[in-house]
Amino acid sequence: MDWNLTSLFEEKMPREIHWTDAEEIGIQLQEKFPDLDPFTVRFTDLHRYVTELEGFADDPTKSNEPRLEAIQMAWHEEYEDAKG
């Protein structure tokens, strides 16, 4: 059997997520909250949702309004795509 350690590691360990990974965060939030319109989420709740994601490895205090806006927009794009 041919084991690829990289793919085995990636399957077992989620990739670390940081505040600057807006697209990845948007994807994960859409998967976790598929029926929630991102534009109805307060930034205080969005902050909590992001910091509770599996693989989130950044300093929770390093968020700011532009980062949260970028995450909200990325999530909204995923939300709209999912609606078809």
N, C-alpha and C. Protein backbone atom coordinates (compact mmCIF):
# COMPACT_ATOMS: atom_id res chain seq x y z
N MET A 1 0.85 -1.18 0.00
CA MET A 1 0.00 0.00 0.00
C MET A 1 0.89 1.23 0.00
N ASP A 2 0.56 2.19 -0.82
CA ASP A 2 1.34 3.41 -0.94
C ASP A 2 0.73 4.50 -0.07
N TRP A 3 1.42 4.88 0.98
CA TRP A 3 0.92 5.91 1.89
C TRP A 3 1.56 7.24 1.55
N ASN A 4 0.73 8.21 1.33
CA ASN A 4 1.20 9.56 1.13
C ASN A 4 1.03 10.27 2.47
N LEU A 5 2.13 10.53 3.16
CA LEU A 5 2.06 11.11 4.50
C LEU A 5 1.41 12.49 4.51
N THR A 6 1.62 13.24 3.45
CA THR A 6 1.02 14.57 3.40
C THR A 6 -0.49 14.48 3.38
N SER A 7 -1.05 13.63 2.51
CA SER A 7 -2.50 13.52 2.45
C SER A 7 -3.05 12.88 3.72
N LEU A 8 -2.33 11.95 4.30
CA LEU A 8 -2.76 11.34 5.55
C LEU A 8 -2.81 12.39 6.65
N PHE A 9 -1.79 13.24 6.72
CA PHE A 9 -1.75 14.31 7.71
C PHE A 9 -2.90 15.29 7.50
N GLU A 10 -3.16 15.66 6.25
CA GLU A 10 -4.21 16.62 5.95
C GLU A 10 -5.59 16.06 6.30
N GLU A 11 -5.77 14.75 6.17
CA GLU A 11 -7.05 14.14 6.51
C GLU A 11 -7.27 14.13 8.02
N LYS A 12 -6.21 13.95 8.78
CA LYS A 12 -6.32 13.83 10.23
C LYS A 12 -6.29 15.18 10.93
N MET A 13 -5.56 16.13 10.39
CA MET A 13 -5.38 17.43 11.02
C MET A 13 -5.95 18.52 10.12
N PRO A 14 -6.91 19.29 10.63
CA PRO A 14 -7.42 20.39 9.80
C PRO A 14 -6.33 21.45 9.61
N ARG A 15 -6.39 22.09 8.47
CA ARG A 15 -5.44 23.16 8.20
C ARG A 15 -5.69 24.29 9.18
N GLU A 16 -4.63 24.90 9.65
CA GLU A 16 -4.79 26.04 10.55
C GLU A 16 -5.42 27.21 9.80
N ILE A 17 -6.36 27.86 10.45
CA ILE A 17 -7.07 28.99 9.86
C ILE A 17 -6.70 30.25 10.64
N HIS A 18 -6.49 31.33 9.89
CA HIS A 18 -6.16 32.62 10.48
C HIS A 18 -7.14 33.67 9.97
N TRP A 19 -7.17 34.83 10.62
CA TRP A 19 -8.09 35.90 10.25
C TRP A 19 -7.98 36.28 8.78
N THR A 20 -6.82 36.13 8.21
CA THR A 20 -6.62 36.54 6.81
C THR A 20 -7.13 35.50 5.81
N ASP A 21 -7.59 34.36 6.27
CA ASP A 21 -8.10 33.29 5.40
C ASP A 21 -9.60 33.45 5.17
N ALA A 22 -10.01 34.62 4.69
CA ALA A 22 -11.43 34.94 4.58
C ALA A 22 -12.19 33.93 3.72
N GLU A 23 -11.62 33.54 2.59
CA GLU A 23 -12.34 32.60 1.71
C GLU A 23 -12.56 31.25 2.39
N GLU A 24 -11.53 30.72 3.02
CA GLU A 24 -11.66 29.43 3.71
C GLU A 24 -12.66 29.53 4.86
N ILE A 25 -12.60 30.63 5.59
CA ILE A 25 -13.54 30.83 6.69
C ILE A 25 -14.96 30.92 6.14
N GLY A 26 -15.14 31.64 5.04
CA GLY A 26 -16.46 31.75 4.42
C GLY A 26 -17.03 30.39 4.03
N ILE A 27 -16.18 29.55 3.47
CA ILE A 27 -16.60 28.20 3.09
C ILE A 27 -17.03 27.41 4.32
N GLN A 28 -16.20 27.45 5.34
CA GLN A 28 -16.52 26.68 6.55
C GLN A 28 -17.77 27.19 7.26
N LEU A 29 -17.95 28.51 7.28
CA LEU A 29 -19.15 29.05 7.91
C LEU A 29 -20.40 28.65 7.12
N GLN A 30 -20.31 28.64 5.81
CA GLN A 30 -21.45 28.22 4.99
C GLN A 30 -21.79 26.75 5.24
N GLU A 31 -20.76 25.93 5.41
CA GLU A 31 -21.01 24.52 5.71
C GLU A 31 -21.63 24.34 7.09
N LYS A 32 -21.20 25.15 8.03
CA LYS A 32 -21.68 25.03 9.41
C LYS A 32 -23.07 25.65 9.61
N PHE A 33 -23.34 26.75 8.89
CA PHE A 33 -24.60 27.48 9.04
C PHE A 33 -25.24 27.70 7.66
N PRO A 34 -25.66 26.63 6.99
CA PRO A 34 -26.13 26.76 5.60
C PRO A 34 -27.38 27.61 5.40
N ASP A 35 -28.20 27.77 6.42
CA ASP A 35 -29.45 28.51 6.27
C ASP A 35 -29.39 29.92 6.85
N LEU A 36 -28.22 30.32 7.31
CA LEU A 36 -28.07 31.63 7.94
C LEU A 36 -27.52 32.64 6.94
N ASP A 37 -28.27 33.72 6.72
CA ASP A 37 -27.83 34.79 5.82
C ASP A 37 -26.72 35.57 6.53
N PRO A 38 -25.52 35.57 5.99
CA PRO A 38 -24.39 36.23 6.65
C PRO A 38 -24.64 37.72 6.92
N PHE A 39 -25.47 38.36 6.11
CA PHE A 39 -25.72 39.79 6.30
C PHE A 39 -26.62 40.07 7.52
N THR A 40 -27.18 39.02 8.11
CA THR A 40 -28.00 39.19 9.32
C THR A 40 -27.19 38.94 10.59
N VAL A 41 -25.92 38.57 10.45
CA VAL A 41 -25.08 38.21 11.60
C VAL A 41 -24.32 39.45 12.11
N ARG A 42 -24.45 39.71 13.40
CA ARG A 42 -23.70 40.81 14.02
C ARG A 42 -22.22 40.42 14.08
N PHE A 43 -21.36 41.41 14.02
CA PHE A 43 -19.92 41.13 14.05
C PHE A 43 -19.50 40.45 15.34
N THR A 44 -20.17 40.73 16.45
CA THR A 44 -19.82 40.05 17.70
C THR A 44 -20.07 38.54 17.57
N ASP A 45 -21.19 38.19 16.91
CA ASP A 45 -21.49 36.77 16.70
C ASP A 45 -20.56 36.17 15.65
N LEU A 46 -20.28 36.92 14.59
CA LEU A 46 -19.37 36.44 13.56
C LEU A 46 -17.99 36.14 14.16
N HIS A 47 -17.52 37.01 15.00
CA HIS A 47 -16.24 36.81 15.68
C HIS A 47 -16.25 35.49 16.44
N ARG A 48 -17.32 35.25 17.18
CA ARG A 48 -17.43 34.01 17.95
C ARG A 48 -17.49 32.79 17.03
N TYR A 49 -18.28 32.87 15.95
CA TYR A 49 -18.37 31.75 15.01
C TYR A 49 -17.00 31.40 14.44
N VAL A 50 -16.23 32.42 14.08
CA VAL A 50 -14.92 32.19 13.48
C VAL A 50 -13.98 31.56 14.49
N THR A 51 -13.93 32.10 15.69
CA THR A 51 -12.98 31.57 16.68
C THR A 51 -13.34 30.17 17.15
N GLU A 52 -14.60 29.76 16.93
CA GLU A 52 -15.02 28.42 17.30
C GLU A 52 -14.85 27.39 16.18
N LEU A 53 -14.42 27.83 15.00
CA LEU A 53 -14.22 26.89 13.89
C LEU A 53 -13.07 25.94 14.20
N GLU A 54 -13.25 24.69 13.78
CA GLU A 54 -12.18 23.72 13.91
C GLU A 54 -10.99 24.18 13.07
N GLY A 55 -9.84 24.21 13.67
CA GLY A 55 -8.64 24.62 12.95
C GLY A 55 -8.29 26.09 13.12
N PHE A 56 -9.18 26.86 13.76
CA PHE A 56 -8.85 28.28 13.97
C PHE A 56 -7.67 28.37 14.93
N ALA A 57 -6.60 29.03 14.47
CA ALA A 57 -5.36 29.04 15.26
C ALA A 57 -4.76 30.43 15.40
N ASP A 58 -5.58 31.44 15.23
CA ASP A 58 -5.07 32.80 15.31
C ASP A 58 -5.43 33.40 16.67
N ASP A 59 -4.89 34.55 16.93
CA ASP A 59 -5.17 35.28 18.16
C ASP A 59 -6.56 35.93 18.02
N PRO A 60 -7.51 35.56 18.87
CA PRO A 60 -8.85 36.13 18.76
C PRO A 60 -8.87 37.67 18.83
N THR A 61 -7.90 38.26 19.47
CA THR A 61 -7.88 39.72 19.61
C THR A 61 -7.37 40.42 18.35
N LYS A 62 -6.91 39.67 17.36
CA LYS A 62 -6.37 40.27 16.14
C LYS A 62 -7.42 40.50 15.06
N SER A 63 -8.68 40.29 15.40
CA SER A 63 -9.71 40.60 14.42
C SER A 63 -9.93 42.11 14.41
N ASN A 64 -10.48 42.59 13.30
CA ASN A 64 -10.86 43.99 13.22
C ASN A 64 -12.00 44.10 12.21
N GLU A 65 -12.57 45.28 12.08
CA GLU A 65 -13.73 45.44 11.22
C GLU A 65 -13.45 45.06 9.77
N PRO A 66 -12.33 45.50 9.16
CA PRO A 66 -12.07 45.09 7.77
C PRO A 66 -11.94 43.57 7.61
N ARG A 67 -11.33 42.90 8.56
CA ARG A 67 -11.20 41.44 8.46
C ARG A 67 -12.57 40.77 8.57
N LEU A 68 -13.38 41.24 9.51
CA LEU A 68 -14.71 40.67 9.66
C LEU A 68 -15.58 40.95 8.44
N GLU A 69 -15.43 42.13 7.86
CA GLU A 69 -16.17 42.45 6.64
C GLU A 69 -15.76 41.52 5.49
N ALA A 70 -14.46 41.27 5.36
CA ALA A 70 -13.98 40.38 4.30
C ALA A 70 -14.52 38.97 4.50
N ILE A 71 -14.56 38.51 5.74
CA ILE A 71 -15.10 37.18 6.04
C ILE A 71 -16.59 37.15 5.74
N GLN A 72 -17.30 38.19 6.14
CA GLN A 72 -18.74 38.24 5.89
C GLN A 72 -19.04 38.22 4.38
N MET A 73 -18.25 38.95 3.62
CA MET A 73 -18.46 38.98 2.16
C MET A 73 -18.14 37.62 1.53
N ALA A 74 -17.07 36.98 1.99
CA ALA A 74 -16.72 35.65 1.47
C ALA A 74 -17.81 34.64 1.82
N TRP A 75 -18.31 34.71 3.03
CA TRP A 75 -19.39 33.82 3.46
C TRP A 75 -20.64 34.10 2.63
N HIS A 76 -20.96 35.38 2.41
CA HIS A 76 -22.15 35.72 1.63
C HIS A 76 -22.04 35.19 0.20
N GLU A 77 -20.86 35.24 -0.38
CA GLU A 77 -20.66 34.68 -1.72
C GLU A 77 -20.97 33.18 -1.73
N GLU A 78 -20.48 32.47 -0.72
CA GLU A 78 -20.77 31.04 -0.61
C GLU A 78 -22.27 30.80 -0.39
N TYR A 79 -22.88 31.63 0.41
CA TYR A 79 -24.31 31.53 0.69
C TYR A 79 -25.12 31.70 -0.58
N GLU A 80 -24.78 32.70 -1.37
CA GLU A 80 -25.49 32.95 -2.64
C GLU A 80 -25.26 31.80 -3.64
N ASP A 81 -24.04 31.30 -3.69
CA ASP A 81 -23.75 30.17 -4.58
C ASP A 81 -24.56 28.94 -4.19
N ALA A 82 -24.72 28.72 -2.89
CA ALA A 82 -25.45 27.55 -2.42
C ALA A 82 -26.94 27.66 -2.72
N LYS A 83 -27.45 28.89 -2.73
CA LYS A 83 -28.87 29.10 -3.04
C LYS A 83 -29.17 28.82 -4.51
N GLY A 84 -28.12 28.92 -5.33
CA GLY A 84 -28.29 28.61 -6.75
C GLY A 84 -28.76 29.76 -7.50
